[in-house]
Amino acid sequence: MTVTIRAATACDAAAIASLLAQLGYPRSDVSTAQLLAAAQKQLDQIVLVASENDVVIGFAALTYFYYFHTDQRLARLSSLAVDETMRSHGMGEALLNAAERWARDNHCQVLELASNIKRVDAHRFYERLAYNKTGWRLWKAIPQ
């Protein structure tokens, strides 16, 4: 099985929208295409896709910024999804390795991520790949 990891293009919007829906974040192909277009205009962001035989089977979205209190450049993995039929075949690890290379290439000292508390299998996956729990992530919706 040969997997290719590359930067996402507008043509990947439908596949990424489908993967987001599998995670419980439904969004339209159009809104996903708009997010991809916005990310492509930013030097501090990238969306990567994993494909096999030109079929997208996973994606990762990243951004980087500076932590004010440590003066470290930090990469944040904001999304990672692999098609549910392709999980446990090394696709997630390949995407994570590509994310780490992107972070390194962009002079980041840390790659962090957040994972929903209910995604126990995902937590085991990240811990197996040497990601450590270092704190709590708290969330509050801001009324508009």
Protein backbone atom coordinates (compact mmCIF):
# COMPACT_ATOMS: atom_id res chain seq x y z
CA MET A 1 0.00 0.00 0.00
CA THR A 2 1.57 3.28 -1.14
CA VAL A 3 0.38 6.39 0.63
CA THR A 4 1.18 9.86 -0.64
CA ILE A 5 1.14 12.84 1.72
CA ARG A 6 0.80 16.26 0.11
CA ALA A 7 -0.63 19.71 0.66
CA ALA A 8 -4.40 19.77 0.22
CA THR A 9 -5.95 21.49 -2.78
CA ALA A 10 -9.46 22.76 -3.46
CA CYS A 11 -10.21 19.42 -5.16
CA ASP A 12 -9.85 17.72 -1.75
CA ALA A 13 -12.67 19.67 -0.08
CA ALA A 14 -15.37 16.99 -0.46
CA ALA A 15 -13.12 14.24 0.90
CA ILE A 16 -12.05 16.39 3.86
CA ALA A 17 -15.67 17.33 4.58
CA SER A 18 -16.53 13.61 4.62
CA LEU A 19 -13.68 12.88 7.04
CA LEU A 20 -14.79 15.72 9.32
CA ALA A 21 -18.32 14.28 9.32
CA GLN A 22 -16.92 10.92 10.45
CA LEU A 23 -15.47 12.74 13.46
CA GLY A 24 -18.82 14.36 14.23
CA TYR A 25 -18.09 17.75 12.65
CA PRO A 26 -20.37 17.92 9.62
CA ARG A 27 -19.67 20.73 7.19
CA SER A 28 -20.49 21.33 3.58
CA ASP A 29 -18.06 20.82 0.73
CA VAL A 30 -18.36 24.56 -0.02
CA SER A 31 -17.48 25.68 3.51
CA THR A 32 -14.61 23.19 3.61
CA ALA A 33 -13.32 24.57 0.29
CA GLN A 34 -13.50 28.08 1.79
CA LEU A 35 -11.46 26.95 4.81
CA LEU A 36 -8.89 25.34 2.54
CA ALA A 37 -8.62 28.51 0.44
CA ALA A 38 -8.11 30.62 3.56
CA ALA A 39 -5.45 28.25 4.92
CA GLN A 40 -3.59 28.23 1.61
CA LYS A 41 -3.18 32.02 1.82
CA GLN A 42 -1.46 31.80 5.21
CA LEU A 43 2.22 30.97 5.60
CA ASP A 44 1.60 29.73 9.15
CA GLN A 45 -0.99 27.10 8.18
CA ILE A 46 -1.14 23.94 6.12
CA VAL A 47 -3.63 21.19 5.46
CA LEU A 48 -2.05 17.88 4.49
CA VAL A 49 -3.85 14.96 2.89
CA ALA A 50 -2.93 11.30 2.78
CA SER A 51 -4.04 9.58 -0.41
CA GLU A 52 -3.83 6.11 -1.84
CA ASN A 53 -4.33 5.72 -5.59
CA ASP A 54 -5.44 9.38 -5.69
CA VAL A 55 -8.21 8.76 -3.13
CA VAL A 56 -7.96 10.93 -0.01
CA ILE A 57 -8.05 8.72 3.07
CA GLY A 58 -6.92 11.17 5.74
CA PHE A 59 -5.94 14.74 6.50
CA ALA A 60 -4.16 16.86 9.08
CA ALA A 61 -4.52 20.62 9.63
CA LEU A 62 -1.72 22.58 11.30
CA THR A 63 -0.80 26.09 12.27
CA TYR A 64 2.10 27.62 14.15
CA PHE A 65 2.53 30.57 16.49
CA TYR A 66 4.68 31.79 19.35
CA TYR A 67 3.93 31.05 22.98
CA PHE A 68 4.25 34.43 24.66
CA HIS A 69 5.42 33.11 28.01
CA THR A 70 8.18 30.83 26.66
CA ASP A 71 9.16 32.51 23.39
CA GLN A 72 8.93 29.11 21.70
CA ARG A 73 7.46 28.60 18.28
CA LEU A 74 4.73 26.02 18.61
CA ALA A 75 2.91 24.01 15.96
CA ARG A 76 -0.65 23.00 16.71
CA LEU A 77 -2.36 20.06 15.09
CA SER A 78 -5.92 21.32 15.00
CA SER A 79 -7.42 18.38 13.11
CA LEU A 80 -6.42 14.86 12.17
CA ALA A 81 -8.74 12.31 10.63
CA VAL A 82 -8.33 9.01 8.84
CA ASP A 83 -11.21 7.32 7.04
CA GLU A 84 -12.80 4.85 9.44
CA THR A 85 -12.24 2.00 6.96
CA MET A 86 -8.49 2.74 6.86
CA ARG A 87 -7.71 3.18 10.55
CA SER A 88 -5.01 1.05 12.16
CA HIS A 89 -3.12 0.76 8.85
CA GLY A 90 -0.45 3.39 9.53
CA MET A 91 -2.19 6.34 7.85
CA GLY A 92 -2.52 8.38 11.02
CA GLU A 93 1.10 7.79 11.91
CA ALA A 94 2.19 8.79 8.39
CA LEU A 95 0.18 12.01 8.67
CA LEU A 96 1.58 12.72 12.11
CA ASN A 97 5.13 12.15 10.86
CA ALA A 98 4.47 14.61 8.02
CA ALA A 99 3.04 17.09 10.53
CA GLU A 100 6.18 16.78 12.65
CA ARG A 101 8.36 17.38 9.56
CA TRP A 102 6.33 20.49 8.71
CA ALA A 103 6.72 21.74 12.29
CA ARG A 104 10.47 21.11 12.20
CA ASP A 105 10.80 22.80 8.80
CA ASN A 106 9.00 25.83 10.26
CA HIS A 107 11.37 26.01 13.25
CA CYS A 108 8.82 24.88 15.82
CA GLN A 109 10.12 23.42 19.07
CA VAL A 110 6.84 21.73 20.02
CA LEU A 111 3.91 20.08 18.28
CA GLU A 112 0.77 20.09 20.39
CA LEU A 113 -2.73 18.83 19.84
CA ALA A 114 -6.03 18.60 21.62
CA SER A 115 -8.28 15.58 21.51
CA ASN A 116 -11.86 15.28 22.67
CA ILE A 117 -12.01 13.58 26.05
CA LYS A 118 -14.26 10.84 24.64
CA ARG A 119 -11.74 9.77 21.93
CA VAL A 120 -9.97 7.14 24.05
CA ASP A 121 -8.59 5.24 21.05
CA ALA A 122 -7.09 8.47 19.69
CA HIS A 123 -5.45 9.14 23.06
CA ARG A 124 -3.81 5.70 23.00
CA PHE A 125 -2.64 6.35 19.44
CA TYR A 126 -0.99 9.66 20.37
CA GLU A 127 0.55 8.27 23.55
CA ARG A 128 2.00 5.33 21.58
CA LEU A 129 3.74 7.92 19.39
CA ALA A 130 5.30 9.66 22.43
CA TYR A 131 2.80 12.49 22.89
CA ASN A 132 2.40 13.35 26.57
CA LYS A 133 -0.53 14.71 28.52
CA THR A 134 0.67 18.02 29.91
CA GLY A 135 -2.43 19.85 31.09
CA TRP A 136 -6.06 20.61 30.63
CA ARG A 137 -7.71 22.25 27.68
CA LEU A 138 -10.73 24.29 28.72
CA TRP A 139 -13.35 25.56 26.34
CA LYS A 140 -16.00 28.26 26.51
CA ALA A 141 -18.24 29.33 23.65
CA ILE A 142 -18.38 33.10 23.20
CA PRO A 143 -21.87 34.31 22.30
CA GLN A 144 -21.97 36.34 19.10
